[in-house]
Amino acid sequence: MRDASNEAASRDAFDTPALEAVRGELRAAGREAREMASGLEPRRLWWRPAPDRWSVGECLDHLVLTGEAYLPVLDETIADGRRRGLHAAGPHRRTLVGRWLPRLLEPPPGLRVTAPLEIRPRRPELQGSPREAPGPHGSRPAPTAPEGSRGDPLAAFLELRSRFRDRLAAADGLDLGRLRMASPFYWWIRFDLGSAFRIIAAHERRHLWQARQVVETEGFPAA
């Protein structure tokens, strides 16, 4: 599978239009994240507009945790398709859940859902340095990264772009509609492989939109 992935990754475009579209969406998400979070020092990266709202760093950390949870399930599904020789040029039939879930995830969020425990970002705690003046609703900027955080969530998010690109390349040419996989978080939710990539992209747009609201909040710390 790695050889096939490398070969497909070296081409200018994938043979499967749906995967090429997702690749463009993931690239756009990387550009959005870089534009928004590049150069943010810790007190701004981990600042919360309210105690119950995530910071920019937490939004990115959540996306990295979610992406890393999807990778092994994608690998297993793609490998199964290769073993079974399930190839098809498309268009590929999508499941009902596969059509519905990406639309549900698009921003702005109409339905708010609590993230599973394993992909909730590390809560920033004020550590070390003196506390700064509270922001709106009594929130305070975090002067350092939260204990146990990933250090640089932007770098981790951008690195995830290449890992997703490899999976898109490995899936190119497979029958994306016949290959089914379960959600990494809810085993009873199943969807087709093609929709899995759309779900990932829509989920990224949702939380990048959320992070953008933080940056645009009155009281966001100045540089």
N, C-alpha and C. Protein backbone atom coordinates (compact mmCIF):
# COMPACT_ATOMS: atom_id res chain seq x y z
N MET A 1 0.83 -1.20 0.00
CA MET A 1 0.00 0.00 0.00
C MET A 1 0.86 1.25 0.00
N ARG A 2 2.00 1.24 0.67
CA ARG A 2 2.86 2.40 0.71
C ARG A 2 3.37 2.77 -0.68
N ASP A 3 3.71 1.73 -1.50
CA ASP A 3 4.18 2.03 -2.86
C ASP A 3 3.10 2.73 -3.66
N ALA A 4 1.86 2.21 -3.54
CA ALA A 4 0.76 2.83 -4.26
C ALA A 4 0.52 4.25 -3.77
N SER A 5 0.65 4.46 -2.46
CA SER A 5 0.47 5.79 -1.90
C SER A 5 1.51 6.76 -2.43
N ASN A 6 2.75 6.35 -2.45
CA ASN A 6 3.82 7.23 -2.92
C ASN A 6 3.65 7.57 -4.39
N GLU A 7 3.25 6.56 -5.18
CA GLU A 7 3.06 6.79 -6.61
C GLU A 7 1.96 7.80 -6.85
N ALA A 8 0.83 7.63 -6.13
CA ALA A 8 -0.30 8.54 -6.31
C ALA A 8 0.02 9.93 -5.79
N ALA A 9 0.77 9.99 -4.68
CA ALA A 9 1.10 11.30 -4.11
C ALA A 9 1.98 12.11 -5.03
N SER A 10 2.74 11.44 -5.89
CA SER A 10 3.65 12.15 -6.77
C SER A 10 2.94 12.75 -7.98
N ARG A 11 1.69 12.35 -8.25
CA ARG A 11 0.96 12.89 -9.39
C ARG A 11 0.42 14.27 -9.06
N ASP A 12 0.17 15.06 -10.10
CA ASP A 12 -0.37 16.39 -9.89
C ASP A 12 -1.80 16.34 -9.36
N ALA A 13 -2.55 15.34 -9.77
CA ALA A 13 -3.94 15.23 -9.35
C ALA A 13 -4.30 13.76 -9.21
N PHE A 14 -5.25 13.50 -8.31
CA PHE A 14 -5.73 12.14 -8.13
C PHE A 14 -6.70 11.79 -9.26
N ASP A 15 -6.82 10.49 -9.53
CA ASP A 15 -7.77 10.03 -10.53
C ASP A 15 -9.22 10.16 -10.05
N THR A 16 -9.42 10.14 -8.73
CA THR A 16 -10.77 10.22 -8.16
C THR A 16 -11.09 11.67 -7.85
N PRO A 17 -12.03 12.30 -8.58
CA PRO A 17 -12.32 13.72 -8.37
C PRO A 17 -12.71 14.06 -6.94
N ALA A 18 -13.47 13.17 -6.29
CA ALA A 18 -13.89 13.46 -4.92
C ALA A 18 -12.70 13.58 -3.98
N LEU A 19 -11.68 12.75 -4.18
CA LEU A 19 -10.50 12.81 -3.34
C LEU A 19 -9.67 14.05 -3.65
N GLU A 20 -9.61 14.42 -4.92
CA GLU A 20 -8.89 15.64 -5.29
C GLU A 20 -9.56 16.85 -4.65
N ALA A 21 -10.89 16.85 -4.59
CA ALA A 21 -11.60 17.96 -3.95
C ALA A 21 -11.29 18.03 -2.46
N VAL A 22 -11.25 16.87 -1.81
CA VAL A 22 -10.93 16.85 -0.37
C VAL A 22 -9.50 17.33 -0.15
N ARG A 23 -8.57 16.92 -1.01
CA ARG A 23 -7.20 17.38 -0.86
C ARG A 23 -7.15 18.91 -0.89
N GLY A 24 -7.91 19.53 -1.78
CA GLY A 24 -7.96 20.98 -1.83
C GLY A 24 -8.53 21.58 -0.55
N GLU A 25 -9.53 20.92 0.02
CA GLU A 25 -10.13 21.41 1.26
C GLU A 25 -9.16 21.31 2.42
N LEU A 26 -8.39 20.24 2.48
CA LEU A 26 -7.41 20.08 3.55
C LEU A 26 -6.28 21.09 3.41
N ARG A 27 -5.88 21.38 2.17
CA ARG A 27 -4.87 22.42 1.95
C ARG A 27 -5.39 23.77 2.42
N ALA A 28 -6.64 24.06 2.10
CA ALA A 28 -7.23 25.33 2.50
C ALA A 28 -7.30 25.44 4.02
N ALA A 29 -7.59 24.33 4.69
CA ALA A 29 -7.62 24.33 6.15
C ALA A 29 -6.24 24.64 6.72
N GLY A 30 -5.21 24.09 6.10
CA GLY A 30 -3.85 24.38 6.54
C GLY A 30 -3.51 25.85 6.39
N ARG A 31 -3.90 26.43 5.26
CA ARG A 31 -3.64 27.85 5.05
C ARG A 31 -4.39 28.71 6.07
N GLU A 32 -5.64 28.35 6.34
CA GLU A 32 -6.44 29.09 7.31
C GLU A 32 -5.82 29.02 8.69
N ALA A 33 -5.39 27.83 9.11
CA ALA A 33 -4.79 27.67 10.43
C ALA A 33 -3.49 28.45 10.53
N ARG A 34 -2.67 28.39 9.48
CA ARG A 34 -1.39 29.10 9.50
C ARG A 34 -1.60 30.61 9.57
N GLU A 35 -2.52 31.10 8.79
CA GLU A 35 -2.81 32.54 8.78
C GLU A 35 -3.30 33.01 10.14
N MET A 36 -4.12 32.20 10.80
CA MET A 36 -4.75 32.60 12.05
C MET A 36 -3.83 32.44 13.26
N ALA A 37 -3.05 31.36 13.31
CA ALA A 37 -2.35 31.01 14.54
C ALA A 37 -0.84 31.18 14.48
N SER A 38 -0.28 31.39 13.29
CA SER A 38 1.16 31.51 13.19
C SER A 38 1.64 32.74 13.96
N GLY A 39 2.62 32.54 14.84
CA GLY A 39 3.18 33.65 15.59
C GLY A 39 2.45 33.99 16.86
N LEU A 40 1.35 33.31 17.17
CA LEU A 40 0.64 33.59 18.43
C LEU A 40 1.47 33.09 19.60
N GLU A 41 1.84 33.98 20.50
CA GLU A 41 2.54 33.55 21.69
C GLU A 41 1.57 32.84 22.62
N PRO A 42 2.07 32.05 23.60
CA PRO A 42 1.18 31.23 24.43
C PRO A 42 0.01 31.97 25.06
N ARG A 43 0.24 33.19 25.54
CA ARG A 43 -0.85 33.88 26.22
C ARG A 43 -2.01 34.19 25.27
N ARG A 44 -1.73 34.27 23.98
CA ARG A 44 -2.80 34.49 23.00
C ARG A 44 -3.31 33.15 22.46
N LEU A 45 -2.42 32.20 22.23
CA LEU A 45 -2.81 30.91 21.68
C LEU A 45 -3.78 30.18 22.59
N TRP A 46 -3.58 30.31 23.91
CA TRP A 46 -4.39 29.55 24.86
C TRP A 46 -5.43 30.42 25.58
N TRP A 47 -5.66 31.63 25.08
CA TRP A 47 -6.64 32.52 25.69
C TRP A 47 -8.06 32.07 25.37
N ARG A 48 -8.88 32.07 26.41
CA ARG A 48 -10.28 31.70 26.24
C ARG A 48 -11.18 32.92 26.37
N PRO A 49 -12.14 33.08 25.50
CA PRO A 49 -13.08 34.20 25.63
C PRO A 49 -14.05 34.02 26.78
N ALA A 50 -14.20 32.80 27.27
CA ALA A 50 -15.06 32.49 28.41
C ALA A 50 -14.59 31.16 28.98
N PRO A 51 -14.86 30.90 30.26
CA PRO A 51 -14.38 29.66 30.87
C PRO A 51 -14.85 28.39 30.17
N ASP A 52 -16.02 28.45 29.52
CA ASP A 52 -16.57 27.25 28.88
C ASP A 52 -16.34 27.23 27.37
N ARG A 53 -15.45 28.10 26.87
CA ARG A 53 -15.15 28.12 25.44
C ARG A 53 -13.68 27.81 25.21
N TRP A 54 -13.39 27.13 24.10
CA TRP A 54 -12.02 26.74 23.79
C TRP A 54 -11.22 27.91 23.25
N SER A 55 -9.91 27.83 23.47
CA SER A 55 -8.96 28.76 22.88
C SER A 55 -8.61 28.31 21.47
N VAL A 56 -7.84 29.13 20.76
CA VAL A 56 -7.36 28.75 19.43
C VAL A 56 -6.52 27.48 19.55
N GLY A 57 -5.63 27.43 20.54
CA GLY A 57 -4.79 26.25 20.72
C GLY A 57 -5.59 25.00 21.00
N GLU A 58 -6.65 25.13 21.77
CA GLU A 58 -7.49 23.96 22.07
C GLU A 58 -8.24 23.49 20.84
N CYS A 59 -8.71 24.41 20.01
CA CYS A 59 -9.39 24.01 18.77
C CYS A 59 -8.43 23.20 17.89
N LEU A 60 -7.20 23.67 17.76
CA LEU A 60 -6.22 22.96 16.93
C LEU A 60 -5.85 21.62 17.56
N ASP A 61 -5.67 21.61 18.88
CA ASP A 61 -5.32 20.37 19.56
C ASP A 61 -6.42 19.32 19.37
N HIS A 62 -7.67 19.76 19.46
CA HIS A 62 -8.80 18.86 19.24
C HIS A 62 -8.79 18.28 17.83
N LEU A 63 -8.46 19.10 16.84
CA LEU A 63 -8.41 18.61 15.46
C LEU A 63 -7.28 17.61 15.26
N VAL A 64 -6.15 17.83 15.92
CA VAL A 64 -5.04 16.88 15.82
C VAL A 64 -5.42 15.55 16.47
N LEU A 65 -6.00 15.61 17.65
CA LEU A 65 -6.41 14.38 18.33
C LEU A 65 -7.43 13.61 17.50
N THR A 66 -8.37 14.34 16.90
CA THR A 66 -9.39 13.69 16.07
C THR A 66 -8.76 13.06 14.84
N GLY A 67 -7.88 13.80 14.17
CA GLY A 67 -7.22 13.26 12.97
C GLY A 67 -6.40 12.03 13.27
N GLU A 68 -5.68 12.04 14.38
CA GLU A 68 -4.87 10.89 14.74
C GLU A 68 -5.73 9.67 15.06
N ALA A 69 -6.94 9.90 15.57
CA ALA A 69 -7.84 8.79 15.83
C ALA A 69 -8.37 8.18 14.54
N TYR A 70 -8.54 9.01 13.51
CA TYR A 70 -9.05 8.51 12.23
C TYR A 70 -8.00 7.73 11.44
N LEU A 71 -6.74 8.07 11.58
CA LEU A 71 -5.70 7.49 10.72
C LEU A 71 -5.67 5.96 10.73
N PRO A 72 -5.63 5.29 11.90
CA PRO A 72 -5.57 3.82 11.86
C PRO A 72 -6.82 3.18 11.26
N VAL A 73 -7.99 3.81 11.43
CA VAL A 73 -9.22 3.27 10.85
C VAL A 73 -9.19 3.43 9.34
N LEU A 74 -8.70 4.58 8.87
CA LEU A 74 -8.54 4.76 7.43
C LEU A 74 -7.56 3.74 6.87
N ASP A 75 -6.45 3.52 7.55
CA ASP A 75 -5.45 2.56 7.07
C ASP A 75 -6.04 1.16 6.95
N GLU A 76 -6.80 0.76 7.96
CA GLU A 76 -7.40 -0.58 7.94
C GLU A 76 -8.39 -0.72 6.80
N THR A 77 -9.21 0.30 6.59
CA THR A 77 -10.22 0.25 5.53
C THR A 77 -9.57 0.26 4.15
N ILE A 78 -8.56 1.09 3.96
CA ILE A 78 -7.86 1.14 2.67
C ILE A 78 -7.15 -0.18 2.39
N ALA A 79 -6.49 -0.74 3.40
CA ALA A 79 -5.80 -2.02 3.23
C ALA A 79 -6.80 -3.12 2.87
N ASP A 80 -7.98 -3.09 3.48
CA ASP A 80 -9.01 -4.09 3.17
C ASP A 80 -9.45 -3.96 1.72
N GLY A 81 -9.61 -2.73 1.24
CA GLY A 81 -9.99 -2.53 -0.15
C GLY A 81 -8.93 -3.03 -1.11
N ARG A 82 -7.66 -2.82 -0.78
CA ARG A 82 -6.57 -3.32 -1.62
C ARG A 82 -6.55 -4.84 -1.65
N ARG A 83 -6.72 -5.45 -0.48
CA ARG A 83 -6.70 -6.92 -0.42
C ARG A 83 -7.83 -7.53 -1.23
N ARG A 84 -8.99 -6.90 -1.19
CA ARG A 84 -10.17 -7.44 -1.87
C ARG A 84 -10.25 -7.00 -3.33
N GLY A 85 -9.36 -6.13 -3.73
CA GLY A 85 -9.36 -5.67 -5.11
C GLY A 85 -10.59 -4.86 -5.48
N LEU A 86 -11.08 -4.05 -4.53
CA LEU A 86 -12.28 -3.25 -4.77
C LEU A 86 -11.89 -1.91 -5.41
N HIS A 87 -11.83 -1.93 -6.72
CA HIS A 87 -11.46 -0.73 -7.47
C HIS A 87 -12.67 -0.26 -8.29
N ALA A 88 -12.83 1.03 -8.39
CA ALA A 88 -13.90 1.60 -9.22
C ALA A 88 -13.57 3.05 -9.50
N ALA A 89 -13.85 3.47 -10.73
CA ALA A 89 -13.51 4.82 -11.14
C ALA A 89 -14.46 5.86 -10.55
N GLY A 90 -15.66 5.44 -10.17
CA GLY A 90 -16.64 6.39 -9.65
C GLY A 90 -17.59 6.85 -10.75
N PRO A 91 -18.60 7.62 -10.43
CA PRO A 91 -18.86 8.16 -9.08
C PRO A 91 -19.23 7.05 -8.09
N HIS A 92 -18.95 7.29 -6.82
CA HIS A 92 -19.16 6.29 -5.79
C HIS A 92 -20.41 6.61 -4.98
N ARG A 93 -21.14 5.56 -4.70
CA ARG A 93 -22.38 5.73 -3.94
C ARG A 93 -22.06 5.99 -2.47
N ARG A 94 -22.72 6.97 -1.88
CA ARG A 94 -22.50 7.31 -0.49
C ARG A 94 -23.64 6.83 0.39
N THR A 95 -23.32 6.50 1.61
CA THR A 95 -24.34 6.06 2.55
C THR A 95 -25.15 7.27 3.03
N LEU A 96 -26.30 6.99 3.64
CA LEU A 96 -27.14 8.07 4.16
C LEU A 96 -26.39 8.86 5.23
N VAL A 97 -25.73 8.14 6.14
CA VAL A 97 -24.96 8.82 7.19
C VAL A 97 -23.80 9.60 6.57
N GLY A 98 -23.18 9.02 5.54
CA GLY A 98 -22.07 9.69 4.88
C GLY A 98 -22.47 10.98 4.19
N ARG A 99 -23.71 11.07 3.75
CA ARG A 99 -24.21 12.31 3.15
C ARG A 99 -24.62 13.32 4.21
N TRP A 100 -25.17 12.83 5.31
CA TRP A 100 -25.75 13.70 6.34
C TRP A 100 -24.70 14.29 7.28
N LEU A 101 -23.74 13.48 7.70
CA LEU A 101 -22.81 13.92 8.74
C LEU A 101 -21.93 15.10 8.31
N PRO A 102 -21.36 15.11 7.10
CA PRO A 102 -20.57 16.29 6.71
C PRO A 102 -21.38 17.58 6.73
N ARG A 103 -22.64 17.51 6.30
CA ARG A 103 -23.48 18.71 6.31
C ARG A 103 -23.73 19.17 7.74
N LEU A 104 -23.89 18.23 8.65
CA LEU A 104 -24.12 18.57 10.06
C LEU A 104 -22.91 19.28 10.66
N LEU A 105 -21.71 18.91 10.20
CA LEU A 105 -20.49 19.44 10.80
C LEU A 105 -20.08 20.80 10.25
N GLU A 106 -20.63 21.21 9.11
CA GLU A 106 -20.21 22.47 8.51
C GLU A 106 -20.52 23.65 9.43
N PRO A 107 -19.63 24.65 9.45
CA PRO A 107 -19.90 25.85 10.24
C PRO A 107 -20.85 26.79 9.50
N PRO A 108 -21.49 27.68 10.27
CA PRO A 108 -21.49 27.73 11.73
C PRO A 108 -22.31 26.59 12.31
N PRO A 109 -21.92 26.08 13.49
CA PRO A 109 -22.60 24.89 14.03
C PRO A 109 -24.04 25.18 14.42
N GLY A 110 -24.94 24.37 13.90
CA GLY A 110 -26.34 24.49 14.30
C GLY A 110 -26.65 23.60 15.48
N LEU A 111 -25.96 22.47 15.57
CA LEU A 111 -26.15 21.53 16.67
C LEU A 111 -24.81 21.34 17.36
N ARG A 112 -24.76 21.67 18.64
CA ARG A 112 -23.52 21.52 19.40
C ARG A 112 -23.51 20.16 20.08
N VAL A 113 -22.37 19.46 19.92
CA VAL A 113 -22.21 18.12 20.46
C VAL A 113 -20.96 18.10 21.34
N THR A 114 -21.07 17.46 22.50
CA THR A 114 -19.91 17.34 23.39
C THR A 114 -18.90 16.37 22.79
N ALA A 115 -17.66 16.79 22.69
CA ALA A 115 -16.62 15.95 22.11
C ALA A 115 -16.35 14.75 23.01
N PRO A 116 -16.11 13.57 22.44
CA PRO A 116 -15.73 12.41 23.25
C PRO A 116 -14.50 12.73 24.11
N LEU A 117 -14.43 12.09 25.26
CA LEU A 117 -13.38 12.41 26.23
C LEU A 117 -11.99 12.28 25.63
N GLU A 118 -11.76 11.27 24.78
CA GLU A 118 -10.41 11.01 24.28
C GLU A 118 -9.91 12.06 23.30
N ILE A 119 -10.79 12.92 22.80
CA ILE A 119 -10.33 13.96 21.87
C ILE A 119 -10.63 15.36 22.39
N ARG A 120 -10.92 15.47 23.66
CA ARG A 120 -11.06 16.80 24.24
C ARG A 120 -9.66 17.38 24.46
N PRO A 121 -9.47 18.63 24.08
CA PRO A 121 -8.14 19.22 24.23
C PRO A 121 -7.77 19.42 25.70
N ARG A 122 -6.46 19.58 25.94
CA ARG A 122 -5.98 19.83 27.29
C ARG A 122 -6.49 21.20 27.74
N ARG A 123 -7.01 21.26 28.92
CA ARG A 123 -7.51 22.53 29.44
C ARG A 123 -6.35 23.41 29.86
N PRO A 124 -6.28 24.62 29.36
CA PRO A 124 -5.18 25.49 29.76
C PRO A 124 -5.35 25.95 31.20
N GLU A 125 -4.32 25.82 31.98
CA GLU A 125 -4.33 26.29 33.37
C GLU A 125 -3.28 27.37 33.51
N LEU A 126 -3.58 28.38 34.28
CA LEU A 126 -2.60 29.43 34.53
C LEU A 126 -1.45 28.86 35.34
N GLN A 127 -0.25 28.98 34.83
CA GLN A 127 0.90 28.42 35.49
C GLN A 127 2.04 29.43 35.52
N GLY A 128 2.83 29.38 36.51
CA GLY A 128 4.14 30.01 36.50
C GLY A 128 4.15 31.51 36.65
N SER A 129 3.72 32.22 35.65
CA SER A 129 3.90 33.66 35.64
C SER A 129 2.69 34.37 36.27
N PRO A 130 2.82 35.66 36.59
CA PRO A 130 1.71 36.38 37.23
C PRO A 130 0.48 36.39 36.34
N ARG A 131 -0.67 36.41 36.98
CA ARG A 131 -1.93 36.43 36.24
C ARG A 131 -2.16 37.80 35.63
N GLU A 132 -2.77 37.77 34.45
CA GLU A 132 -3.07 39.01 33.77
C GLU A 132 -4.51 39.39 34.03
N ALA A 133 -4.86 40.60 33.61
CA ALA A 133 -6.22 41.06 33.84
C ALA A 133 -7.22 40.16 33.14
N PRO A 134 -8.35 39.88 33.80
CA PRO A 134 -9.33 38.99 33.18
C PRO A 134 -9.94 39.61 31.94
N GLY A 135 -10.31 38.74 31.00
CA GLY A 135 -10.98 39.19 29.80
C GLY A 135 -12.48 39.15 30.00
N PRO A 136 -13.26 39.07 28.92
CA PRO A 136 -14.71 39.01 29.04
C PRO A 136 -15.16 37.83 29.89
N HIS A 137 -16.21 38.02 30.64
CA HIS A 137 -16.82 36.96 31.46
C HIS A 137 -15.84 36.44 32.52
N GLY A 138 -14.82 37.21 32.85
CA GLY A 138 -13.90 36.77 33.87
C GLY A 138 -12.84 35.81 33.39
N SER A 139 -12.74 35.56 32.09
CA SER A 139 -11.72 34.65 31.58
C SER A 139 -10.36 35.30 31.69
N ARG A 140 -9.30 34.49 31.67
CA ARG A 140 -7.95 35.01 31.78
C ARG A 140 -7.08 34.34 30.71
N PRO A 141 -6.14 35.09 30.13
CA PRO A 141 -5.22 34.46 29.19
C PRO A 141 -4.27 33.53 29.91
N ALA A 142 -3.91 32.44 29.25
CA ALA A 142 -2.95 31.51 29.85
C ALA A 142 -1.55 31.91 29.43
N PRO A 143 -0.63 32.20 30.39
CA PRO A 143 0.70 32.65 30.01
C PRO A 143 1.60 31.58 29.47
N THR A 144 1.28 30.32 29.71
CA THR A 144 2.07 29.22 29.18
C THR A 144 1.14 28.16 28.62
N ALA A 145 1.72 27.24 27.84
CA ALA A 145 0.92 26.15 27.30
C ALA A 145 0.39 25.29 28.43
N PRO A 146 -0.80 24.67 28.28
CA PRO A 146 -1.36 23.85 29.34
C PRO A 146 -0.50 22.64 29.65
N GLU A 147 -0.55 22.22 30.89
CA GLU A 147 0.19 21.04 31.32
C GLU A 147 -0.21 19.85 30.46
N GLY A 148 0.78 19.14 29.90
CA GLY A 148 0.50 17.96 29.09
C GLY A 148 0.04 18.28 27.68
N SER A 149 0.15 19.55 27.26
CA SER A 149 -0.30 19.90 25.91
C SER A 149 0.68 19.36 24.87
N ARG A 150 0.32 19.52 23.61
CA ARG A 150 1.14 19.03 22.51
C ARG A 150 2.25 20.02 22.17
N GLY A 151 2.38 21.11 22.94
CA GLY A 151 3.45 22.06 22.71
C GLY A 151 3.11 23.05 21.63
N ASP A 152 3.12 22.63 20.39
CA ASP A 152 2.82 23.50 19.26
C ASP A 152 1.69 22.86 18.45
N PRO A 153 0.44 23.17 18.79
CA PRO A 153 -0.68 22.53 18.09
C PRO A 153 -0.75 22.92 16.62
N LEU A 154 -0.29 24.11 16.27
CA LEU A 154 -0.30 24.51 14.86
C LEU A 154 0.63 23.63 14.05
N ALA A 155 1.86 23.41 14.54
CA ALA A 155 2.81 22.56 13.83
C ALA A 155 2.26 21.15 13.68
N ALA A 156 1.63 20.63 14.73
CA ALA A 156 1.06 19.28 14.68
C ALA A 156 -0.08 19.22 13.67
N PHE A 157 -0.90 20.28 13.61
CA PHE A 157 -2.01 20.31 12.67
C PHE A 157 -1.50 20.37 11.23
N LEU A 158 -0.48 21.18 10.99
CA LEU A 158 0.07 21.28 9.64
C LEU A 158 0.75 19.97 9.22
N GLU A 159 1.40 19.30 10.16
CA GLU A 159 2.04 18.02 9.85
C GLU A 159 1.01 16.96 9.48
N LEU A 160 -0.17 17.10 10.06
CA LEU A 160 -1.26 16.16 9.77
C LEU A 160 -1.69 16.25 8.31
N ARG A 161 -1.44 17.41 7.65
CA ARG A 161 -1.80 17.55 6.23
C ARG A 161 -1.14 16.47 5.38
N SER A 162 0.16 16.25 5.59
CA SER A 162 0.88 15.27 4.78
C SER A 162 0.39 13.85 5.08
N ARG A 163 0.01 13.58 6.31
CA ARG A 163 -0.46 12.25 6.66
C ARG A 163 -1.81 11.96 6.02
N PHE A 164 -2.67 12.96 5.99
CA PHE A 164 -3.95 12.78 5.30
C PHE A 164 -3.74 12.67 3.79
N ARG A 165 -2.81 13.45 3.25
CA ARG A 165 -2.53 13.36 1.81
C ARG A 165 -2.10 11.95 1.43
N ASP A 166 -1.29 11.30 2.28
CA ASP A 166 -0.86 9.93 2.01
C ASP A 166 -2.05 8.98 1.98
N ARG A 167 -3.00 9.19 2.88
CA ARG A 167 -4.19 8.30 2.91
C ARG A 167 -5.08 8.56 1.71
N LEU A 168 -5.22 9.80 1.31
CA LEU A 168 -5.99 10.08 0.10
C LEU A 168 -5.34 9.40 -1.11
N ALA A 169 -4.02 9.48 -1.19
CA ALA A 169 -3.32 8.85 -2.30
C ALA A 169 -3.50 7.34 -2.28
N ALA A 170 -3.46 6.74 -1.10
CA ALA A 170 -3.62 5.29 -1.00
C ALA A 170 -5.03 4.85 -1.36
N ALA A 171 -6.00 5.73 -1.14
CA ALA A 171 -7.40 5.39 -1.44
C ALA A 171 -7.77 5.66 -2.90
N ASP A 172 -6.92 6.37 -3.61
CA ASP A 172 -7.23 6.74 -4.99
C ASP A 172 -7.41 5.50 -5.86
N GLY A 173 -8.55 5.42 -6.54
CA GLY A 173 -8.84 4.28 -7.40
C GLY A 173 -9.66 3.20 -6.75
N LEU A 174 -9.83 3.25 -5.43
CA LEU A 174 -10.65 2.25 -4.75
C LEU A 174 -12.13 2.59 -4.90
N ASP A 175 -12.97 1.60 -4.65
CA ASP A 175 -14.42 1.82 -4.66
C ASP A 175 -14.79 2.43 -3.31
N LEU A 176 -14.80 3.73 -3.25
CA LEU A 176 -15.00 4.43 -1.99
C LEU A 176 -16.39 4.20 -1.40
N GLY A 177 -17.36 3.86 -2.24
CA GLY A 177 -18.71 3.63 -1.76
C GLY A 177 -18.90 2.26 -1.14
N ARG A 178 -18.24 1.24 -1.67
CA ARG A 178 -18.41 -0.11 -1.14
C ARG A 178 -17.62 -0.33 0.15
N LEU A 179 -16.54 0.40 0.32
CA LEU A 179 -15.74 0.25 1.52
C LEU A 179 -16.36 1.04 2.66
N ARG A 180 -16.67 0.35 3.74
CA ARG A 180 -17.33 0.96 4.89
C ARG A 180 -16.41 0.92 6.11
N MET A 181 -16.57 1.91 6.98
CA MET A 181 -15.79 1.96 8.20
C MET A 181 -16.65 2.54 9.31
N ALA A 182 -16.26 2.25 10.54
CA ALA A 182 -16.96 2.78 11.70
C ALA A 182 -16.27 4.04 12.18
N SER A 183 -17.03 4.91 12.79
CA SER A 183 -16.46 6.08 13.44
C SER A 183 -15.45 5.63 14.49
N PRO A 184 -14.31 6.32 14.62
CA PRO A 184 -13.35 5.95 15.65
C PRO A 184 -13.89 6.13 17.07
N PHE A 185 -15.02 6.83 17.20
CA PHE A 185 -15.53 7.17 18.52
C PHE A 185 -16.85 6.50 18.86
N TYR A 186 -17.64 6.17 17.86
CA TYR A 186 -18.94 5.53 18.07
C TYR A 186 -19.05 4.36 17.09
N TRP A 187 -18.88 3.16 17.58
CA TRP A 187 -18.78 1.99 16.70
C TRP A 187 -20.06 1.75 15.91
N TRP A 188 -21.18 2.25 16.42
CA TRP A 188 -22.45 1.99 15.73
C TRP A 188 -22.70 2.97 14.57
N ILE A 189 -21.87 3.99 14.44
CA ILE A 189 -22.00 4.93 13.32
C ILE A 189 -21.04 4.49 12.22
N ARG A 190 -21.59 4.12 11.08
CA ARG A 190 -20.78 3.64 9.97
C ARG A 190 -21.06 4.47 8.73
N PHE A 191 -20.05 4.63 7.92
CA PHE A 191 -20.19 5.40 6.69
C PHE A 191 -19.17 4.89 5.68
N ASP A 192 -19.31 5.33 4.44
CA ASP A 192 -18.42 4.90 3.37
C ASP A 192 -17.09 5.63 3.48
N LEU A 193 -16.06 5.06 2.87
CA LEU A 193 -14.71 5.62 2.95
C LEU A 193 -14.64 7.01 2.35
N GLY A 194 -15.29 7.22 1.22
CA GLY A 194 -15.26 8.54 0.61
C GLY A 194 -15.83 9.61 1.52
N SER A 195 -16.91 9.28 2.21
CA SER A 195 -17.51 10.23 3.13
C SER A 195 -16.64 10.47 4.35
N ALA A 196 -15.85 9.48 4.74
CA ALA A 196 -14.96 9.66 5.89
C ALA A 196 -14.04 10.85 5.67
N PHE A 197 -13.48 10.96 4.47
CA PHE A 197 -12.60 12.09 4.17
C PHE A 197 -13.38 13.40 4.18
N ARG A 198 -14.62 13.38 3.69
CA ARG A 198 -15.43 14.60 3.71
C ARG A 198 -15.77 15.00 5.15
N ILE A 199 -16.01 14.01 6.00
CA ILE A 199 -16.31 14.27 7.41
C ILE A 199 -15.12 14.95 8.08
N ILE A 200 -13.93 14.44 7.82
CA ILE A 200 -12.71 15.03 8.40
C ILE A 200 -12.57 16.48 7.97
N ALA A 201 -12.76 16.75 6.68
CA ALA A 201 -12.59 18.11 6.17
C ALA A 201 -13.64 19.06 6.75
N ALA A 202 -14.89 18.61 6.83
CA ALA A 202 -15.95 19.45 7.38
C ALA A 202 -15.71 19.72 8.86
N HIS A 203 -15.24 18.72 9.58
CA HIS A 203 -14.95 18.88 11.00
C HIS A 203 -13.83 19.90 11.21
N GLU A 204 -12.84 19.90 10.34
CA GLU A 204 -11.78 20.89 10.45
C GLU A 204 -12.32 22.30 10.20
N ARG A 205 -13.17 22.46 9.20
CA ARG A 205 -13.74 23.79 8.94
C ARG A 205 -14.55 24.28 10.14
N ARG A 206 -15.26 23.36 10.78
CA ARG A 206 -16.09 23.72 11.94
C ARG A 206 -15.24 24.34 13.05
N HIS A 207 -14.13 23.70 13.38
CA HIS A 207 -13.36 24.17 14.52
C HIS A 207 -12.38 25.28 14.15
N LEU A 208 -12.01 25.39 12.90
CA LEU A 208 -11.26 26.57 12.48
C LEU A 208 -12.16 27.80 12.51
N TRP A 209 -13.41 27.63 12.15
CA TRP A 209 -14.39 28.71 12.29
C TRP A 209 -14.51 29.10 13.75
N GLN A 210 -14.58 28.10 14.63
CA GLN A 210 -14.66 28.36 16.06
C GLN A 210 -13.43 29.13 16.55
N ALA A 211 -12.25 28.73 16.09
CA ALA A 211 -11.02 29.41 16.48
C ALA A 211 -11.02 30.85 15.97
N ARG A 212 -11.54 31.07 14.77
CA ARG A 212 -11.60 32.42 14.21
C ARG A 212 -12.48 33.32 15.07
N GLN A 213 -13.56 32.78 15.63
CA GLN A 213 -14.40 33.58 16.51
C GLN A 213 -13.64 34.03 17.75
N VAL A 214 -12.72 33.19 18.23
CA VAL A 214 -11.92 33.56 19.39
C VAL A 214 -11.02 34.75 19.05
N VAL A 215 -10.34 34.67 17.92
CA VAL A 215 -9.41 35.74 17.51
C VAL A 215 -10.16 37.05 17.33
N GLU A 216 -11.41 36.97 16.89
CA GLU A 216 -12.18 38.18 16.61
C GLU A 216 -12.99 38.66 17.80
N THR A 217 -12.87 37.97 18.93
CA THR A 217 -13.60 38.36 20.13
C THR A 217 -13.03 39.64 20.73
N GLU A 218 -13.88 40.54 21.15
CA GLU A 218 -13.42 41.73 21.85
C GLU A 218 -12.71 41.30 23.14
N GLY A 219 -11.52 41.81 23.35
CA GLY A 219 -10.74 41.42 24.51
C GLY A 219 -9.66 40.43 24.21
N PHE A 220 -9.59 39.94 22.95
CA PHE A 220 -8.49 39.04 22.57
C PHE A 220 -7.18 39.80 22.79
N PRO A 221 -6.21 39.17 23.49
CA PRO A 221 -4.98 39.91 23.83
C PRO A 221 -4.26 40.44 22.60
N ALA A 222 -3.82 41.67 22.72
CA ALA A 222 -3.05 42.29 21.62
C ALA A 222 -1.65 41.70 21.58
N ALA A 223 -1.04 41.78 20.41
CA ALA A 223 0.31 41.25 20.25
C ALA A 223 1.28 42.09 21.07
